[in-house]
Amino acid sequence: MMRALVAGLTLALASTGAAAAMPLVALVADVEGTEVTDLLTPYAILAESGAVEVKVVAADRRPARLMPGVAWVAPQATFAELRRPDVIIVPALHRSDDPTLLAWLREQAKAGVRIMSICNGGVVLANAGLLDGRQATLHWWSIDKVRKDYPKVAWRRDMRWISDGQVTTTAGISASSPASLSLLRELAGDEAMRATAARLGLPAPDPRHNGEDFRLTFKGASRVVLNQAAFWNRQDVGVPLSPGFDELAFGTVLDGWSRTYRSEAWAAGPASATSRHGLTIYRHKTPPERFDRMANLPAQRPMETLFGQIQAAYGPTTARFVALQFEHPWGAVTAW
């Protein structure tokens, strides 16, 4: 009896020690607006692994607006409440020069914390001075502008993500998935990464990329103008929000249907719901009385499935324009 009790206590202590030793990754949210795929994709991948503790953090506990689309996320900790993380991930934020956030990032970087940006979250890092003297990348649409604004940074277009010292930056939105898997491999090993990717139906991470392929041509710009002009034909799209929802699919779908210039996507369902990995999302207090269409949450390869659904609804040019915004080579057509 005593031997069994000692064995049980030993196992419990070992489990507690293992949990305490898990790397902590903090995902930054901004109350004024946080790019939804940039936030939810790393959260879903890292949390699914079971090998990393991941928290959405903000300056305070107010729900943070997700953009684009209509939904809010509840921060799981504040900067002050969080223990020292191993990694901080910064999505594209509505405000890239918030002094509280920039000071916190500088403090954490000085303490040796690894910093990673997704998409235009790189502008936040540049404003914090964390990219000076480093190689970095960003969303294809923004990179020419930042070359002028941040000349101390060696900006590149030829990689989906770049690690230079303790700082990692990624290209546009769709790079959030392979870069998060690559980070998971570094934190928990190749086996954990491959098992997680297989469960989520994601390909193995590949850093190869040609950002020069992504540009907006007259055809794409014309489609934007036409979609905007057809204001009488705009649609409200409901994105299912229910207990245990899949963060990866929800974020991708909310994001994509809000980038067509023909539709706006809303979290639809109860006033709030908690995801399969413990993240609480809120819908608008007064959603539309009815939705013009309800989106499906893909079980596998959500981006590719989403673009196909948008093509079926609005045609190939609009679908390709959404893929262009995601900086994703869907359909092997990236410059048009």
Protein backbone atom coordinates (compact mmCIF):
# COMPACT_ATOMS: atom_id res chain seq x y z
CA MET A 1 0.00 0.00 0.00
CA MET A 2 2.73 2.43 1.02
CA ARG A 3 4.79 1.48 -2.06
CA ALA A 4 1.81 2.20 -4.34
CA LEU A 5 1.24 5.56 -2.63
CA VAL A 6 4.87 6.56 -3.04
CA ALA A 7 4.80 5.48 -6.68
CA GLY A 8 1.65 7.55 -7.26
CA LEU A 9 3.17 10.62 -5.63
CA THR A 10 6.34 10.21 -7.65
CA LEU A 11 4.35 10.03 -10.88
CA ALA A 12 2.30 13.09 -9.93
CA LEU A 13 5.41 15.09 -9.11
CA ALA A 14 7.03 14.02 -12.36
CA SER A 15 3.94 15.08 -14.30
CA THR A 16 3.89 18.44 -12.50
CA GLY A 17 7.55 18.96 -13.31
CA ALA A 18 6.97 18.10 -16.96
CA ALA A 19 4.10 20.58 -17.19
CA ALA A 20 6.14 23.28 -15.53
CA ALA A 21 8.97 22.65 -17.96
CA MET A 22 6.83 23.15 -21.06
CA PRO A 23 7.88 26.19 -23.08
CA LEU A 24 5.54 29.17 -22.70
CA VAL A 25 4.56 31.06 -25.85
CA ALA A 26 2.73 34.38 -25.49
CA LEU A 27 0.57 35.60 -28.37
CA VAL A 28 -0.02 39.36 -28.28
CA ALA A 29 -3.51 40.81 -28.83
CA ASP A 30 -4.43 44.48 -29.23
CA VAL A 31 -7.84 45.66 -28.02
CA GLU A 32 -8.24 47.89 -31.10
CA GLY A 33 -7.60 45.10 -33.59
CA THR A 34 -5.57 41.91 -34.08
CA GLU A 35 -5.26 40.06 -37.40
CA VAL A 36 -7.34 36.97 -36.81
CA THR A 37 -5.36 34.33 -38.75
CA ASP A 38 -2.06 35.70 -37.45
CA LEU A 39 -3.34 35.11 -33.93
CA LEU A 40 -5.45 31.95 -34.13
CA THR A 41 -3.24 29.87 -36.42
CA PRO A 42 -0.18 29.86 -34.11
CA TYR A 43 -2.49 29.38 -31.12
CA ALA A 44 -4.21 26.36 -32.69
CA ILE A 45 -0.99 24.69 -33.84
CA LEU A 46 0.97 25.17 -30.63
CA ALA A 47 -1.93 24.26 -28.35
CA GLU A 48 -2.75 21.15 -30.40
CA SER A 49 0.79 19.87 -29.91
CA GLY A 50 0.29 19.40 -26.17
CA ALA A 51 4.00 20.15 -25.82
CA VAL A 52 3.79 23.93 -25.51
CA GLU A 53 1.86 26.19 -23.16
CA VAL A 54 0.34 29.03 -25.16
CA LYS A 55 -1.46 32.14 -23.89
CA VAL A 56 -3.11 35.11 -25.58
CA VAL A 57 -1.88 38.19 -23.71
CA ALA A 58 -2.66 41.89 -23.78
CA ALA A 59 -2.09 45.04 -21.78
CA ASP A 60 -5.40 44.44 -19.95
CA ARG A 61 -8.27 41.95 -19.87
CA ARG A 62 -10.66 43.77 -22.21
CA PRO A 63 -11.83 41.67 -25.17
CA ALA A 64 -9.65 42.38 -28.21
CA ARG A 65 -11.22 42.97 -31.62
CA LEU A 66 -10.29 40.45 -34.28
CA MET A 67 -9.77 41.83 -37.78
CA PRO A 68 -11.03 41.51 -40.42
CA GLY A 69 -14.47 40.20 -39.54
CA VAL A 70 -16.69 40.77 -36.54
CA ALA A 71 -15.56 38.91 -33.41
CA TRP A 72 -13.60 39.51 -30.20
CA VAL A 73 -11.15 37.36 -28.26
CA ALA A 74 -10.68 37.25 -24.48
CA PRO A 75 -7.04 37.66 -23.39
CA GLN A 76 -5.93 34.86 -21.09
CA ALA A 77 -3.40 36.97 -19.18
CA THR A 78 -2.05 40.50 -19.03
CA PHE A 79 1.57 41.48 -19.55
CA ALA A 80 1.86 42.02 -15.79
CA GLU A 81 0.30 38.65 -14.87
CA LEU A 82 2.35 36.52 -17.24
CA ARG A 83 5.48 34.73 -16.12
CA ARG A 84 8.52 35.26 -18.31
CA PRO A 85 7.68 33.56 -21.64
CA ASP A 86 10.11 31.62 -23.76
CA VAL A 87 8.70 33.07 -26.99
CA ILE A 88 6.50 36.06 -27.81
CA ILE A 89 4.53 36.09 -31.09
CA VAL A 90 3.30 39.44 -32.42
CA PRO A 91 0.54 39.34 -35.08
CA ALA A 92 -0.34 42.27 -37.31
CA LEU A 93 -1.99 44.78 -34.97
CA HIS A 94 -4.27 47.75 -35.58
CA ARG A 95 -1.78 49.90 -33.70
CA SER A 96 1.87 49.16 -34.34
CA ASP A 97 3.32 51.91 -32.13
CA ASP A 98 1.63 51.38 -28.77
CA PRO A 99 4.24 52.56 -26.22
CA THR A 100 3.20 50.05 -23.54
CA LEU A 101 3.61 47.11 -25.91
CA LEU A 102 6.87 48.39 -27.39
CA ALA A 103 8.38 48.88 -23.93
CA TRP A 104 7.28 45.37 -22.87
CA LEU A 105 8.78 43.82 -26.01
CA ARG A 106 12.10 45.62 -25.49
CA GLU A 107 12.19 44.48 -21.86
CA GLN A 108 11.49 40.87 -22.81
CA ALA A 109 14.03 40.88 -25.64
CA LYS A 110 16.65 42.31 -23.30
CA ALA A 111 15.95 39.40 -20.94
CA GLY A 112 16.67 36.94 -23.75
CA VAL A 113 13.09 36.07 -24.75
CA ARG A 114 12.73 34.98 -28.35
CA ILE A 115 10.50 37.31 -30.40
CA MET A 116 8.53 36.30 -33.48
CA SER A 117 6.26 38.39 -35.70
CA ILE A 118 3.60 37.19 -38.12
CA CYS A 119 2.95 39.20 -41.27
CA ASN A 120 2.80 42.95 -40.52
CA GLY A 121 3.52 42.26 -36.88
CA GLY A 122 7.03 42.91 -38.17
CA VAL A 123 6.19 46.62 -38.21
CA VAL A 124 5.65 46.42 -34.44
CA LEU A 125 9.10 44.86 -34.03
CA ALA A 126 10.62 47.51 -36.29
CA ASN A 127 9.02 50.25 -34.18
CA ALA A 128 10.48 48.64 -31.08
CA GLY A 129 13.94 48.75 -32.68
CA LEU A 130 14.23 44.96 -32.53
CA LEU A 131 14.95 44.54 -36.25
CA ASP A 132 17.75 47.08 -36.62
CA GLY A 133 20.78 45.39 -38.15
CA ARG A 134 18.83 42.18 -38.83
CA GLN A 135 17.38 40.45 -41.87
CA ALA A 136 13.58 40.38 -41.85
CA THR A 137 10.51 39.91 -44.01
CA LEU A 138 6.92 41.14 -44.04
CA HIS A 139 3.67 41.02 -46.05
CA TRP A 140 4.39 41.60 -49.75
CA TRP A 141 2.09 44.66 -49.87
CA SER A 142 4.00 46.51 -47.13
CA ILE A 143 7.61 45.64 -47.78
CA ASP A 144 8.43 48.47 -50.22
CA LYS A 145 7.10 51.06 -47.79
CA VAL A 146 9.01 49.70 -44.81
CA ARG A 147 12.27 49.76 -46.78
CA LYS A 148 11.99 53.55 -46.68
CA ASP A 149 10.69 53.81 -43.11
CA TYR A 150 13.18 51.35 -41.56
CA PRO A 151 16.41 51.52 -43.59
CA LYS A 152 18.46 49.82 -40.84
CA VAL A 153 16.66 46.54 -41.56
CA ALA A 154 17.73 44.21 -44.39
CA TRP A 155 14.28 43.44 -45.82
CA ARG A 156 13.94 40.26 -47.92
CA ARG A 157 11.23 38.74 -50.11
CA ASP A 158 12.68 35.28 -50.73
CA MET A 159 11.67 33.40 -47.56
CA ARG A 160 8.35 32.62 -45.85
CA TRP A 161 10.07 33.18 -42.54
CA ILE A 162 13.50 34.40 -41.49
CA SER A 163 15.26 33.86 -38.16
CA ASP A 164 18.10 36.23 -37.35
CA GLY A 165 19.43 35.76 -33.84
CA GLN A 166 16.59 35.74 -31.33
CA VAL A 167 14.11 37.35 -33.76
CA THR A 168 11.94 35.63 -36.38
CA THR A 169 9.73 37.41 -38.92
CA THR A 170 7.34 35.98 -41.51
CA ALA A 171 5.84 36.92 -44.85
CA GLY A 172 2.10 37.47 -45.27
CA ILE A 173 -0.80 35.84 -43.43
CA SER A 174 -0.51 32.29 -44.79
CA ALA A 175 3.08 32.04 -43.52
CA SER A 176 1.62 31.80 -40.00
CA SER A 177 1.09 28.05 -40.43
CA PRO A 178 4.52 26.84 -41.64
CA ALA A 179 6.36 29.29 -39.40
CA SER A 180 4.39 28.08 -36.36
CA LEU A 181 5.16 24.46 -37.23
CA SER A 182 8.83 25.34 -37.61
CA LEU A 183 8.76 27.02 -34.19
CA LEU A 184 7.06 23.94 -32.72
CA ARG A 185 9.81 21.74 -34.12
CA GLU A 186 12.43 23.90 -32.40
CA LEU A 187 10.55 23.89 -29.08
CA ALA A 188 9.34 20.28 -28.96
CA GLY A 189 11.16 18.30 -31.64
CA ASP A 190 10.48 17.02 -35.13
CA GLU A 191 8.25 14.15 -34.02
CA ALA A 192 5.88 16.47 -32.12
CA MET A 193 5.76 18.84 -35.09
CA ARG A 194 4.99 16.10 -37.62
CA ALA A 195 2.32 14.52 -35.43
CA THR A 196 0.64 17.89 -34.90
CA ALA A 197 0.74 18.75 -38.61
CA ALA A 198 -0.78 15.36 -39.44
CA ARG A 199 -3.66 15.80 -36.97
CA LEU A 200 -4.42 19.26 -38.37
CA GLY A 201 -4.02 18.21 -42.00
CA LEU A 202 -1.17 20.66 -42.62
CA PRO A 203 1.84 20.15 -44.90
CA ALA A 204 5.34 20.10 -43.45
CA PRO A 205 6.86 23.59 -43.19
CA ASP A 206 8.80 24.82 -46.21
CA PRO A 207 10.61 28.18 -46.03
CA ARG A 208 10.95 28.58 -49.81
CA HIS A 209 9.09 31.58 -51.18
CA ASN A 210 9.26 34.19 -53.91
CA GLY A 211 7.62 37.37 -52.72
CA GLU A 212 8.23 38.98 -56.10
CA ASP A 213 5.43 36.80 -57.49
CA PHE A 214 2.86 38.64 -55.38
CA ARG A 215 1.67 41.93 -56.80
CA LEU A 216 -1.63 43.58 -57.65
CA THR A 217 -2.23 44.01 -61.37
CA PHE A 218 -4.91 45.93 -63.22
CA LYS A 219 -7.12 42.84 -63.36
CA GLY A 220 -7.03 42.36 -59.61
CA ALA A 221 -7.55 46.06 -58.88
CA SER A 222 -10.51 46.13 -61.28
CA ARG A 223 -12.15 43.24 -59.43
CA VAL A 224 -11.79 45.11 -56.13
CA VAL A 225 -13.46 48.20 -57.60
CA LEU A 226 -16.29 46.15 -59.11
CA ASN A 227 -16.90 44.23 -55.89
CA GLN A 228 -16.97 47.44 -53.86
CA ALA A 229 -19.26 49.15 -56.34
CA ALA A 230 -21.86 46.36 -56.07
CA PHE A 231 -22.94 47.58 -52.63
CA TRP A 232 -26.50 46.30 -53.16
CA ASN A 233 -25.12 42.79 -53.54
CA ARG A 234 -22.99 42.64 -50.41
CA GLN A 235 -23.50 39.70 -48.10
CA ASP A 236 -23.28 39.03 -44.38
CA VAL A 237 -21.60 35.67 -43.86
CA GLY A 238 -22.04 33.76 -40.62
CA VAL A 239 -19.05 31.83 -39.26
CA PRO A 240 -20.23 29.13 -36.82
CA LEU A 241 -19.27 29.77 -33.21
CA SER A 242 -20.00 26.83 -30.92
CA PRO A 243 -18.39 25.16 -27.89
CA GLY A 244 -15.18 23.35 -28.82
CA PHE A 245 -14.83 25.10 -32.19
CA ASP A 246 -11.63 24.67 -34.18
CA GLU A 247 -9.52 27.83 -33.84
CA LEU A 248 -7.57 27.20 -37.05
CA ALA A 249 -10.63 26.86 -39.27
CA PHE A 250 -12.63 29.60 -37.52
CA GLY A 251 -9.89 32.21 -37.88
CA THR A 252 -9.17 31.37 -41.51
CA VAL A 253 -12.83 31.48 -42.54
CA LEU A 254 -13.63 34.69 -40.64
CA ASP A 255 -10.58 36.27 -42.27
CA GLY A 256 -11.11 35.11 -45.84
CA TRP A 257 -14.80 35.90 -46.25
CA SER A 258 -14.07 39.42 -44.96
CA ARG A 259 -11.49 40.02 -47.74
CA THR A 260 -13.69 39.51 -50.80
CA TYR A 261 -14.97 43.12 -50.91
CA ARG A 262 -18.32 41.41 -51.46
CA SER A 263 -18.97 40.16 -47.94
CA GLU A 264 -18.37 40.65 -44.25
CA ALA A 265 -17.95 37.69 -41.93
CA TRP A 266 -19.48 37.58 -38.45
CA ALA A 267 -19.09 35.13 -35.59
CA ALA A 268 -22.52 33.50 -35.48
CA GLY A 269 -24.06 31.52 -32.65
CA PRO A 270 -24.08 32.04 -28.88
CA ALA A 271 -22.87 35.26 -27.31
CA SER A 272 -19.55 33.54 -26.62
CA ALA A 273 -17.96 30.14 -26.97
CA THR A 274 -14.77 28.49 -25.79
CA SER A 275 -12.61 26.73 -28.36
CA ARG A 276 -11.20 23.20 -28.26
CA HIS A 277 -8.05 24.59 -26.63
CA GLY A 278 -9.63 27.00 -24.17
CA LEU A 279 -9.82 30.30 -26.06
CA THR A 280 -13.01 32.35 -25.63
CA ILE A 281 -14.43 34.22 -28.62
CA TYR A 282 -17.33 36.70 -28.43
CA ARG A 283 -19.74 37.59 -31.21
CA HIS A 284 -21.27 41.04 -31.77
CA LYS A 285 -24.01 41.91 -29.28
CA THR A 286 -26.46 42.57 -32.13
CA PRO A 287 -25.58 40.36 -35.10
CA PRO A 288 -27.59 40.59 -38.35
CA GLU A 289 -31.16 39.28 -38.09
CA ARG A 290 -30.30 36.81 -40.82
CA PHE A 291 -27.15 35.85 -42.69
CA ASP A 292 -27.03 35.71 -46.47
CA ARG A 293 -24.90 32.56 -46.21
CA MET A 294 -23.38 30.38 -43.50
CA ALA A 295 -19.76 29.43 -44.02
CA ASN A 296 -18.43 25.94 -43.42
CA LEU A 297 -15.46 25.32 -41.14
CA PRO A 298 -13.13 23.01 -43.10
CA ALA A 299 -11.81 19.98 -41.25
CA GLN A 300 -8.58 19.86 -43.30
CA ARG A 301 -6.39 22.39 -45.16
CA PRO A 302 -8.65 25.34 -44.27
CA MET A 303 -7.04 27.96 -46.52
CA GLU A 304 -7.16 25.93 -49.71
CA THR A 305 -10.73 24.82 -48.96
CA LEU A 306 -11.76 28.40 -48.18
CA PHE A 307 -10.44 29.74 -51.49
CA GLY A 308 -12.38 27.05 -53.32
CA GLN A 309 -15.57 28.01 -51.48
CA ILE A 310 -15.09 31.69 -52.34
CA GLN A 311 -14.47 30.77 -55.97
CA ALA A 312 -17.75 28.86 -56.04
CA ALA A 313 -19.57 31.88 -54.57
CA TYR A 314 -17.95 34.84 -56.32
CA GLY A 315 -15.76 33.49 -59.10
CA PRO A 316 -12.05 32.76 -59.60
CA THR A 317 -10.85 36.38 -59.76
CA THR A 318 -12.22 37.22 -56.31
CA ALA A 319 -10.86 33.95 -54.89
CA ARG A 320 -7.41 34.68 -56.29
CA PHE A 321 -7.55 38.19 -54.87
CA VAL A 322 -8.26 36.75 -51.41
CA ALA A 323 -5.36 34.31 -51.83
CA LEU A 324 -3.16 37.24 -52.86
CA GLN A 325 -4.02 39.03 -49.61
CA PHE A 326 -3.11 35.87 -47.70
CA GLU A 327 0.16 35.72 -49.69
CA HIS A 328 -0.72 32.15 -50.57
CA PRO A 329 0.14 30.53 -53.92
CA TRP A 330 -3.35 29.05 -54.33
CA GLY A 331 -4.07 27.84 -57.84
CA ALA A 332 -0.44 28.56 -58.80
CA VAL A 333 -1.58 32.07 -59.79
CA THR A 334 0.00 34.75 -57.63
CA ALA A 335 0.56 37.75 -59.91
CA TRP A 336 -2.42 38.91 -61.93
